[in-house]
Amino acid sequence: MNVLLVDDHTLFRQGLVHLLDGLDNALTFFQADTVTGDLDRFGPIDLVLLDMQMPGPEGTDAVAATRTKLPSSTIVVISGDFDPVVRGCSSR
C-alpha cells in the first residue's frame, strides 16, 4: 500500500512514518509539504494522510486540491487546531 503524508511539518511526517512503519511491511511512504505541488509524481497512491492547515489551500480547499490530483486515493484528514471550528469548513 502506498501512503502519502501531506503536512508542512517535517518532524510530524517523520514521526508518523516511524509510528506507522511497524504496522505492515507492505506500506510504502511518500511525503509532501504542500498540496500545491505535483502530488501524482509519486505514482499510484492508495491512502493520503492530509493536514488541512498548511500554506496554500487549506481546509476543504486542501481536500479538493488533493482529490483533483489523486482522484482514486482515499483521503484521511489529520489536522489539529486549538479552535474547535476548523478553518475552511462551514459547519459549526
PDB file of N, CA and C in Angstrom:
ATOM      1  N   MET A   1       0.849  -1.171   0.000  1.00  0.00           N
ATOM      2  CA  MET A   1       0.000   0.000   0.000  1.00  0.00           C
ATOM      3  C   MET A   1       0.896   1.235   0.000  1.00  0.00           C
ATOM      4  N   ASN A   2       0.615   2.165  -0.891  1.00  0.00           N
ATOM      5  CA  ASN A   2       1.348   3.425  -0.974  1.00  0.00           C
ATOM      6  C   ASN A   2       0.609   4.500  -0.193  1.00  0.00           C
ATOM      7  N   VAL A   3       1.313   5.095   0.766  1.00  0.00           N
ATOM      8  CA  VAL A   3       0.737   6.098   1.656  1.00  0.00           C
ATOM      9  C   VAL A   3       1.471   7.416   1.451  1.00  0.00           C
ATOM     10  N   LEU A   4       0.712   8.476   1.210  1.00  0.00           N
ATOM     11  CA  LEU A   4       1.284   9.812   1.052  1.00  0.00           C
ATOM     12  C   LEU A   4       0.924  10.653   2.269  1.00  0.00           C
ATOM     13  N   LEU A   5       1.943  11.176   2.949  1.00  0.00           N
ATOM     14  CA  LEU A   5       1.747  12.066   4.083  1.00  0.00           C
ATOM     15  C   LEU A   5       1.940  13.491   3.595  1.00  0.00           C
ATOM     16  N   VAL A   6       0.903  14.318   3.735  1.00  0.00           N
ATOM     17  CA  VAL A   6       0.982  15.703   3.287  1.00  0.00           C
ATOM     18  C   VAL A   6       0.814  16.599   4.512  1.00  0.00           C
ATOM     19  N   ASP A   7       1.917  17.172   4.953  1.00  0.00           N
ATOM     20  CA  ASP A   7       1.930  18.045   6.124  1.00  0.00           C
ATOM     21  C   ASP A   7       3.137  18.960   5.994  1.00  0.00           C
ATOM     22  N   ASP A   8       3.008  20.206   6.432  1.00  0.00           N
ATOM     23  CA  ASP A   8       4.101  21.150   6.292  1.00  0.00           C
ATOM     24  C   ASP A   8       5.135  21.037   7.418  1.00  0.00           C
ATOM     25  N   HIS A   9       4.949  20.136   8.361  1.00  0.00           N
ATOM     26  CA  HIS A   9       5.899  19.937   9.455  1.00  0.00           C
ATOM     27  C   HIS A   9       6.664  18.631   9.242  1.00  0.00           C
ATOM     28  N   THR A  10       7.920  18.747   8.863  1.00  0.00           N
ATOM     29  CA  THR A  10       8.747  17.584   8.560  1.00  0.00           C
ATOM     30  C   THR A  10       8.832  16.627   9.744  1.00  0.00           C
ATOM     31  N   LEU A  11       9.025  17.160  10.947  1.00  0.00           N
ATOM     32  CA  LEU A  11       9.154  16.310  12.125  1.00  0.00           C
ATOM     33  C   LEU A  11       7.886  15.490  12.365  1.00  0.00           C
ATOM     34  N   PHE A  12       6.719  16.095  12.142  1.00  0.00           N
ATOM     35  CA  PHE A  12       5.463  15.358  12.292  1.00  0.00           C
ATOM     36  C   PHE A  12       5.368  14.232  11.274  1.00  0.00           C
ATOM     37  N   ARG A  13       5.706  14.531  10.013  1.00  0.00           N
ATOM     38  CA  ARG A  13       5.663  13.495   8.970  1.00  0.00           C
ATOM     39  C   ARG A  13       6.597  12.346   9.301  1.00  0.00           C
ATOM     40  N   GLN A  14       7.817  12.666   9.708  1.00  0.00           N
ATOM     41  CA  GLN A  14       8.788  11.624  10.041  1.00  0.00           C
ATOM     42  C   GLN A  14       8.322  10.791  11.231  1.00  0.00           C
ATOM     43  N   GLY A  15       7.740  11.445  12.226  1.00  0.00           N
ATOM     44  CA  GLY A  15       7.224  10.725  13.384  1.00  0.00           C
ATOM     45  C   GLY A  15       6.082   9.803  13.011  1.00  0.00           C
ATOM     46  N   LEU A  16       5.210  10.261  12.134  1.00  0.00           N
ATOM     47  CA  LEU A  16       4.089   9.430  11.696  1.00  0.00           C
ATOM     48  C   LEU A  16       4.583   8.217  10.899  1.00  0.00           C
ATOM     49  N   VAL A  17       5.578   8.423  10.051  1.00  0.00           N
ATOM     50  CA  VAL A  17       6.165   7.297   9.319  1.00  0.00           C
ATOM     51  C   VAL A  17       6.748   6.294  10.309  1.00  0.00           C
ATOM     52  N   HIS A  18       7.467   6.782  11.291  1.00  0.00           N
ATOM     53  CA  HIS A  18       8.065   5.896  12.300  1.00  0.00           C
ATOM     54  C   HIS A  18       6.985   5.107  13.036  1.00  0.00           C
ATOM     55  N   LEU A  19       5.897   5.773  13.375  1.00  0.00           N
ATOM     56  CA  LEU A  19       4.804   5.125  14.089  1.00  0.00           C
ATOM     57  C   LEU A  19       4.094   4.082  13.233  1.00  0.00           C
ATOM     58  N   LEU A  20       3.816   4.417  11.996  1.00  0.00           N
ATOM     59  CA  LEU A  20       3.041   3.534  11.122  1.00  0.00           C
ATOM     60  C   LEU A  20       3.872   2.448  10.450  1.00  0.00           C
ATOM     61  N   ASP A  21       5.164   2.668  10.340  1.00  0.00           N
ATOM     62  CA  ASP A  21       6.028   1.751   9.605  1.00  0.00           C
ATOM     63  C   ASP A  21       6.003   0.338  10.177  1.00  0.00           C
ATOM     64  N   GLY A  22       5.835   0.205  11.468  1.00  0.00           N
ATOM     65  CA  GLY A  22       5.822  -1.107  12.079  1.00  0.00           C
ATOM     66  C   GLY A  22       4.516  -1.862  11.927  1.00  0.00           C
ATOM     67  N   LEU A  23       3.491  -1.230  11.403  1.00  0.00           N
ATOM     68  CA  LEU A  23       2.189  -1.885  11.272  1.00  0.00           C
ATOM     69  C   LEU A  23       2.160  -2.962  10.200  1.00  0.00           C
ATOM     70  N   ASP A  24       2.859  -2.719   9.103  1.00  0.00           N
ATOM     71  CA  ASP A  24       2.786  -3.634   7.977  1.00  0.00           C
ATOM     72  C   ASP A  24       4.009  -3.421   7.093  1.00  0.00           C
ATOM     73  N   ASN A  25       4.673  -4.494   6.733  1.00  0.00           N
ATOM     74  CA  ASN A  25       5.859  -4.393   5.870  1.00  0.00           C
ATOM     75  C   ASN A  25       5.507  -3.970   4.449  1.00  0.00           C
ATOM     76  N   ALA A  26       4.240  -4.053   4.089  1.00  0.00           N
ATOM     77  CA  ALA A  26       3.828  -3.732   2.726  1.00  0.00           C
ATOM     78  C   ALA A  26       3.527  -2.239   2.538  1.00  0.00           C
ATOM     79  N   LEU A  27       3.722  -1.426   3.581  1.00  0.00           N
ATOM     80  CA  LEU A  27       3.471   0.012   3.464  1.00  0.00           C
ATOM     81  C   LEU A  27       4.690   0.716   2.879  1.00  0.00           C
ATOM     82  N   THR A  28       4.447   1.560   1.897  1.00  0.00           N
ATOM     83  CA  THR A  28       5.490   2.412   1.330  1.00  0.00           C
ATOM     84  C   THR A  28       5.046   3.851   1.532  1.00  0.00           C
ATOM     85  N   PHE A  29       5.936   4.673   2.100  1.00  0.00           N
ATOM     86  CA  PHE A  29       5.573   6.039   2.450  1.00  0.00           C
ATOM     87  C   PHE A  29       6.218   7.044   1.516  1.00  0.00           C
ATOM     88  N   PHE A  30       5.437   8.059   1.177  1.00  0.00           N
ATOM     89  CA  PHE A  30       5.896   9.206   0.417  1.00  0.00           C
ATOM     90  C   PHE A  30       5.501  10.436   1.214  1.00  0.00           C
ATOM     91  N   GLN A  31       6.231  11.538   1.022  1.00  0.00           N
ATOM     92  CA  GLN A  31       5.952  12.733   1.806  1.00  0.00           C
ATOM     93  C   GLN A  31       5.925  13.974   0.923  1.00  0.00           C
ATOM     94  N   ALA A  32       5.022  14.888   1.273  1.00  0.00           N
ATOM     95  CA  ALA A  32       4.938  16.184   0.607  1.00  0.00           C
ATOM     96  C   ALA A  32       4.612  17.232   1.665  1.00  0.00           C
ATOM     97  N   ASP A  33       5.071  18.463   1.441  1.00  0.00           N
ATOM     98  CA  ASP A  33       4.826  19.511   2.427  1.00  0.00           C
ATOM     99  C   ASP A  33       3.751  20.505   2.009  1.00  0.00           C
ATOM    100  N   THR A  34       3.093  20.235   0.894  1.00  0.00           N
ATOM    101  CA  THR A  34       2.010  21.104   0.416  1.00  0.00           C
ATOM    102  C   THR A  34       1.165  20.350  -0.603  1.00  0.00           C
ATOM    103  N   VAL A  35      -0.062  20.797  -0.800  1.00  0.00           N
ATOM    104  CA  VAL A  35      -0.901  20.197  -1.842  1.00  0.00           C
ATOM    105  C   VAL A  35      -0.738  20.920  -3.171  1.00  0.00           C
ATOM    106  N   THR A  36       0.038  22.009  -3.195  1.00  0.00           N
ATOM    107  CA  THR A  36       0.200  22.767  -4.432  1.00  0.00           C
ATOM    108  C   THR A  36       1.204  22.127  -5.383  1.00  0.00           C
ATOM    109  N   GLY A  37       2.004  21.177  -4.895  1.00  0.00           N
ATOM    110  CA  GLY A  37       2.983  20.507  -5.751  1.00  0.00           C
ATOM    111  C   GLY A  37       2.341  19.435  -6.609  1.00  0.00           C
ATOM    112  N   ASP A  38       3.175  18.726  -7.303  1.00  0.00           N
ATOM    113  CA  ASP A  38       2.748  17.664  -8.210  1.00  0.00           C
ATOM    114  C   ASP A  38       2.613  16.361  -7.420  1.00  0.00           C
ATOM    115  N   LEU A  39       1.480  16.152  -6.756  1.00  0.00           N
ATOM    116  CA  LEU A  39       1.295  15.002  -5.883  1.00  0.00           C
ATOM    117  C   LEU A  39       1.285  13.678  -6.620  1.00  0.00           C
ATOM    118  N   ASP A  40       0.948  13.686  -7.897  1.00  0.00           N
ATOM    119  CA  ASP A  40       0.898  12.430  -8.640  1.00  0.00           C
ATOM    120  C   ASP A  40       2.284  11.969  -9.104  1.00  0.00           C
ATOM    121  N   ARG A  41       3.326  12.710  -8.767  1.00  0.00           N
ATOM    122  CA  ARG A  41       4.689  12.312  -9.141  1.00  0.00           C
ATOM    123  C   ARG A  41       5.134  11.041  -8.416  1.00  0.00           C
ATOM    124  N   PHE A  42       4.450  10.682  -7.330  1.00  0.00           N
ATOM    125  CA  PHE A  42       4.822   9.508  -6.556  1.00  0.00           C
ATOM    126  C   PHE A  42       4.272   8.216  -7.151  1.00  0.00           C
ATOM    127  N   GLY A  43       3.451   8.318  -8.149  1.00  0.00           N
ATOM    128  CA  GLY A  43       2.809   7.133  -8.719  1.00  0.00           C
ATOM    129  C   GLY A  43       1.464   6.927  -8.056  1.00  0.00           C
ATOM    130  N   PRO A  44       0.908   5.734  -8.196  1.00  0.00           N
ATOM    131  CA  PRO A  44      -0.407   5.493  -7.590  1.00  0.00           C
ATOM    132  C   PRO A  44      -0.322   5.535  -6.062  1.00  0.00           C
ATOM    133  N   ILE A  45      -1.218   6.285  -5.465  1.00  0.00           N
ATOM    134  CA  ILE A  45      -1.279   6.432  -4.005  1.00  0.00           C
ATOM    135  C   ILE A  45      -2.601   5.838  -3.533  1.00  0.00           C
ATOM    136  N   ASP A  46      -2.528   4.920  -2.586  1.00  0.00           N
ATOM    137  CA  ASP A  46      -3.732   4.301  -2.047  1.00  0.00           C
ATOM    138  C   ASP A  46      -4.378   5.145  -0.956  1.00  0.00           C
ATOM    139  N   LEU A  47      -3.549   5.751  -0.104  1.00  0.00           N
ATOM    140  CA  LEU A  47      -4.036   6.484   1.061  1.00  0.00           C
ATOM    141  C   LEU A  47      -3.268   7.783   1.220  1.00  0.00           C
ATOM    142  N   VAL A  48      -3.999   8.883   1.400  1.00  0.00           N
ATOM    143  CA  VAL A  48      -3.395  10.180   1.675  1.00  0.00           C
ATOM    144  C   VAL A  48      -3.771  10.575   3.096  1.00  0.00           C
ATOM    145  N   LEU A  49      -2.760  10.875   3.904  1.00  0.00           N
ATOM    146  CA  LEU A  49      -2.981  11.431   5.237  1.00  0.00           C
ATOM    147  C   LEU A  49      -2.679  12.914   5.115  1.00  0.00           C
ATOM    148  N   LEU A  50      -3.711  13.747   5.231  1.00  0.00           N
ATOM    149  CA  LEU A  50      -3.646  15.154   4.834  1.00  0.00           C
ATOM    150  C   LEU A  50      -3.878  16.098   5.999  1.00  0.00           C
ATOM    151  N   ASP A  51      -2.946  17.025   6.178  1.00  0.00           N
ATOM    152  CA  ASP A  51      -3.142  18.145   7.088  1.00  0.00           C
ATOM    153  C   ASP A  51      -3.910  19.219   6.319  1.00  0.00           C
ATOM    154  N   MET A  52      -4.984  19.707   6.887  1.00  0.00           N
ATOM    155  CA  MET A  52      -5.810  20.712   6.196  1.00  0.00           C
ATOM    156  C   MET A  52      -5.350  22.137   6.464  1.00  0.00           C
ATOM    157  N   GLN A  53      -4.339  22.317   7.310  1.00  0.00           N
ATOM    158  CA  GLN A  53      -3.909  23.666   7.670  1.00  0.00           C
ATOM    159  C   GLN A  53      -2.433  23.848   7.339  1.00  0.00           C
ATOM    160  N   MET A  54      -2.191  24.157   6.079  1.00  0.00           N
ATOM    161  CA  MET A  54      -0.838  24.364   5.582  1.00  0.00           C
ATOM    162  C   MET A  54      -0.818  25.617   4.733  1.00  0.00           C
ATOM    163  N   PRO A  55       0.371  26.114   4.409  1.00  0.00           N
ATOM    164  CA  PRO A  55       0.444  27.213   3.444  1.00  0.00           C
ATOM    165  C   PRO A  55      -0.197  26.787   2.121  1.00  0.00           C
ATOM    166  N   GLY A  56      -0.850  27.701   1.477  1.00  0.00           N
ATOM    167  CA  GLY A  56      -1.553  27.386   0.235  1.00  0.00           C
ATOM    168  C   GLY A  56      -2.998  27.053   0.542  1.00  0.00           C
ATOM    169  N   PRO A  57      -3.617  26.235  -0.282  1.00  0.00           N
ATOM    170  CA  PRO A  57      -5.004  25.864   0.000  1.00  0.00           C
ATOM    171  C   PRO A  57      -5.116  25.195   1.364  1.00  0.00           C
ATOM    172  N   GLU A  58      -6.125  25.578   2.131  1.00  0.00           N
ATOM    173  CA  GLU A  58      -6.327  24.953   3.428  1.00  0.00           C
ATOM    174  C   GLU A  58      -7.799  24.635   3.609  1.00  0.00           C
ATOM    175  N   GLY A  59      -8.104  23.895   4.641  1.00  0.00           N
ATOM    176  CA  GLY A  59      -9.483  23.496   4.892  1.00  0.00           C
ATOM    177  C   GLY A  59      -9.988  22.598   3.786  1.00  0.00           C
ATOM    178  N   THR A  60     -11.244  22.771   3.443  1.00  0.00           N
ATOM    179  CA  THR A  60     -11.829  21.925   2.408  1.00  0.00           C
ATOM    180  C   THR A  60     -11.192  22.173   1.035  1.00  0.00           C
ATOM    181  N   ASP A  61     -10.576  23.352   0.851  1.00  0.00           N
ATOM    182  CA  ASP A  61      -9.868  23.608  -0.407  1.00  0.00           C
ATOM    183  C   ASP A  61      -8.667  22.675  -0.561  1.00  0.00           C
ATOM    184  N   ALA A  62      -8.003  22.360   0.547  1.00  0.00           N
ATOM    185  CA  ALA A  62      -6.870  21.424   0.503  1.00  0.00           C
ATOM    186  C   ALA A  62      -7.349  20.025   0.128  1.00  0.00           C
ATOM    187  N   VAL A  63      -8.491  19.634   0.680  1.00  0.00           N
ATOM    188  CA  VAL A  63      -9.056  18.324   0.342  1.00  0.00           C
ATOM    189  C   VAL A  63      -9.430  18.295  -1.139  1.00  0.00           C
ATOM    190  N   ALA A  64     -10.072  19.344  -1.620  1.00  0.00           N
ATOM    191  CA  ALA A  64     -10.481  19.403  -3.024  1.00  0.00           C
ATOM    192  C   ALA A  64      -9.270  19.380  -3.955  1.00  0.00           C
ATOM    193  N   ALA A  65      -8.211  20.107  -3.600  1.00  0.00           N
ATOM    194  CA  ALA A  65      -6.996  20.121  -4.429  1.00  0.00           C
ATOM    195  C   ALA A  65      -6.361  18.732  -4.476  1.00  0.00           C
ATOM    196  N   THR A  66      -6.360  18.053  -3.340  1.00  0.00           N
ATOM    197  CA  THR A  66      -5.804  16.699  -3.286  1.00  0.00           C
ATOM    198  C   THR A  66      -6.662  15.742  -4.103  1.00  0.00           C
ATOM    199  N   ARG A  67      -7.971  15.851  -3.983  1.00  0.00           N
ATOM    200  CA  ARG A  67      -8.894  14.987  -4.729  1.00  0.00           C
ATOM    201  C   ARG A  67      -8.704  15.179  -6.234  1.00  0.00           C
ATOM    202  N   THR A  68      -8.476  16.416  -6.670  1.00  0.00           N
ATOM    203  CA  THR A  68      -8.268  16.694  -8.087  1.00  0.00           C
ATOM    204  C   THR A  68      -7.004  16.002  -8.592  1.00  0.00           C
ATOM    205  N   LYS A  69      -5.938  16.036  -7.783  1.00  0.00           N
ATOM    206  CA  LYS A  69      -4.663  15.469  -8.206  1.00  0.00           C
ATOM    207  C   LYS A  69      -4.589  13.951  -8.027  1.00  0.00           C
ATOM    208  N   LEU A  70      -5.322  13.427  -7.050  1.00  0.00           N
ATOM    209  CA  LEU A  70      -5.299  11.994  -6.761  1.00  0.00           C
ATOM    210  C   LEU A  70      -6.736  11.475  -6.644  1.00  0.00           C
ATOM    211  N   PRO A  71      -7.465  11.428  -7.751  1.00  0.00           N
ATOM    212  CA  PRO A  71      -8.897  11.130  -7.690  1.00  0.00           C
ATOM    213  C   PRO A  71      -9.252   9.734  -7.174  1.00  0.00           C
ATOM    214  N   SER A  72      -8.366   8.777  -7.280  1.00  0.00           N
ATOM    215  CA  SER A  72      -8.709   7.426  -6.840  1.00  0.00           C
ATOM    216  C   SER A  72      -8.170   7.098  -5.441  1.00  0.00           C
ATOM    217  N   SER A  73      -7.515   8.049  -4.806  1.00  0.00           N
ATOM    218  CA  SER A  73      -6.934   7.821  -3.477  1.00  0.00           C
ATOM    219  C   SER A  73      -7.956   8.063  -2.377  1.00  0.00           C
ATOM    220  N   THR A  74      -7.826   7.298  -1.299  1.00  0.00           N
ATOM    221  CA  THR A  74      -8.598   7.563  -0.091  1.00  0.00           C
ATOM    222  C   THR A  74      -7.884   8.673   0.666  1.00  0.00           C
ATOM    223  N   ILE A  75      -8.628   9.682   1.115  1.00  0.00           N
ATOM    224  CA  ILE A  75      -8.052  10.813   1.838  1.00  0.00           C
ATOM    225  C   ILE A  75      -8.552  10.785   3.272  1.00  0.00           C
ATOM    226  N   VAL A  76      -7.602  10.809   4.207  1.00  0.00           N
ATOM    227  CA  VAL A  76      -7.924  10.899   5.628  1.00  0.00           C
ATOM    228  C   VAL A  76      -7.307  12.192   6.146  1.00  0.00           C
ATOM    229  N   VAL A  77      -8.119  13.013   6.787  1.00  0.00           N
ATOM    230  CA  VAL A  77      -7.650  14.291   7.324  1.00  0.00           C
ATOM    231  C   VAL A  77      -7.019  14.067   8.687  1.00  0.00           C
ATOM    232  N   ILE A  78      -5.799  14.570   8.857  1.00  0.00           N
ATOM    233  CA  ILE A  78      -5.100  14.513  10.144  1.00  0.00           C
ATOM    234  C   ILE A  78      -4.674  15.931  10.496  1.00  0.00           C
ATOM    235  N   SER A  79      -5.571  16.681  11.091  1.00  0.00           N
ATOM    236  CA  SER A  79      -5.306  18.075  11.437  1.00  0.00           C
ATOM    237  C   SER A  79      -5.696  18.317  12.875  1.00  0.00           C
ATOM    238  N   GLY A  80      -5.013  19.259  13.456  1.00  0.00           N
ATOM    239  CA  GLY A  80      -5.366  19.679  14.798  1.00  0.00           C
ATOM    240  C   GLY A  80      -5.398  21.190  14.864  1.00  0.00           C
ATOM    241  N   ASP A  81      -6.225  21.690  15.768  1.00  0.00           N
ATOM    242  CA  ASP A  81      -6.335  23.132  15.933  1.00  0.00           C
ATOM    243  C   ASP A  81      -6.858  23.395  17.327  1.00  0.00           C
ATOM    244  N   PHE A  82      -6.450  24.494  17.895  1.00  0.00           N
ATOM    245  CA  PHE A  82      -6.970  24.874  19.203  1.00  0.00           C
ATOM    246  C   PHE A  82      -8.420  25.328  19.114  1.00  0.00           C
ATOM    247  N   ASP A  83      -8.821  25.814  17.942  1.00  0.00           N
ATOM    248  CA  ASP A  83     -10.176  26.273  17.710  1.00  0.00           C
ATOM    249  C   ASP A  83     -11.023  25.076  17.265  1.00  0.00           C
ATOM    250  N   PRO A  84     -12.153  24.809  17.923  1.00  0.00           N
ATOM    251  CA  PRO A  84     -12.970  23.656  17.531  1.00  0.00           C
ATOM    252  C   PRO A  84     -13.608  23.797  16.148  1.00  0.00           C
ATOM    253  N   VAL A  85     -13.643  25.007  15.601  1.00  0.00           N
ATOM    254  CA  VAL A  85     -14.172  25.220  14.259  1.00  0.00           C
ATOM    255  C   VAL A  85     -12.983  25.275  13.311  1.00  0.00           C
ATOM    256  N   VAL A  86     -12.882  24.278  12.421  1.00  0.00           N
ATOM    257  CA  VAL A  86     -11.762  24.188  11.522  1.00  0.00           C
ATOM    258  C   VAL A  86     -11.891  25.242  10.434  1.00  0.00           C
ATOM    259  N   ARG A  87     -10.792  25.960  10.190  1.00  0.00           N
ATOM    260  CA  ARG A  87     -10.783  26.960   9.129  1.00  0.00           C
ATOM    261  C   ARG A  87     -11.086  26.311   7.793  1.00  0.00           C
ATOM    262  N   GLY A  88     -11.896  26.952   7.010  1.00  0.00           N
ATOM    263  CA  GLY A  88     -12.222  26.437   5.694  1.00  0.00           C
ATOM    264  C   GLY A  88     -13.441  25.529   5.690  1.00  0.00           C
ATOM    265  N   CYS A  89     -13.969  25.183   6.851  1.00  0.00           N
ATOM    266  CA  CYS A  89     -15.170  24.349   6.924  1.00  0.00           C
ATOM    267  C   CYS A  89     -16.334  25.226   7.356  1.00  0.00           C
ATOM    268  N   SER A  90     -17.486  24.997   6.771  1.00  0.00           N
ATOM    269  CA  SER A  90     -18.615  25.875   7.033  1.00  0.00           C
ATOM    270  C   SER A  90     -19.470  25.428   8.200  1.00  0.00           C
ATOM    271  N   SER A  91     -19.350  24.186   8.650  1.00  0.00           N
ATOM    272  CA  SER A  91     -20.222  23.724   9.740  1.00  0.00           C
ATOM    273  C   SER A  91     -19.721  24.195  11.090  1.00  0.00           C
ATOM    274  N   ARG A  92     -20.642  24.471  11.985  1.00  0.00           N
ATOM    275  CA  ARG A  92     -20.304  24.892  13.353  1.00  0.00           C
ATOM    276  C   ARG A  92     -20.975  23.984  14.318  1.00  0.00           C
TER     277      ARG A  92
END
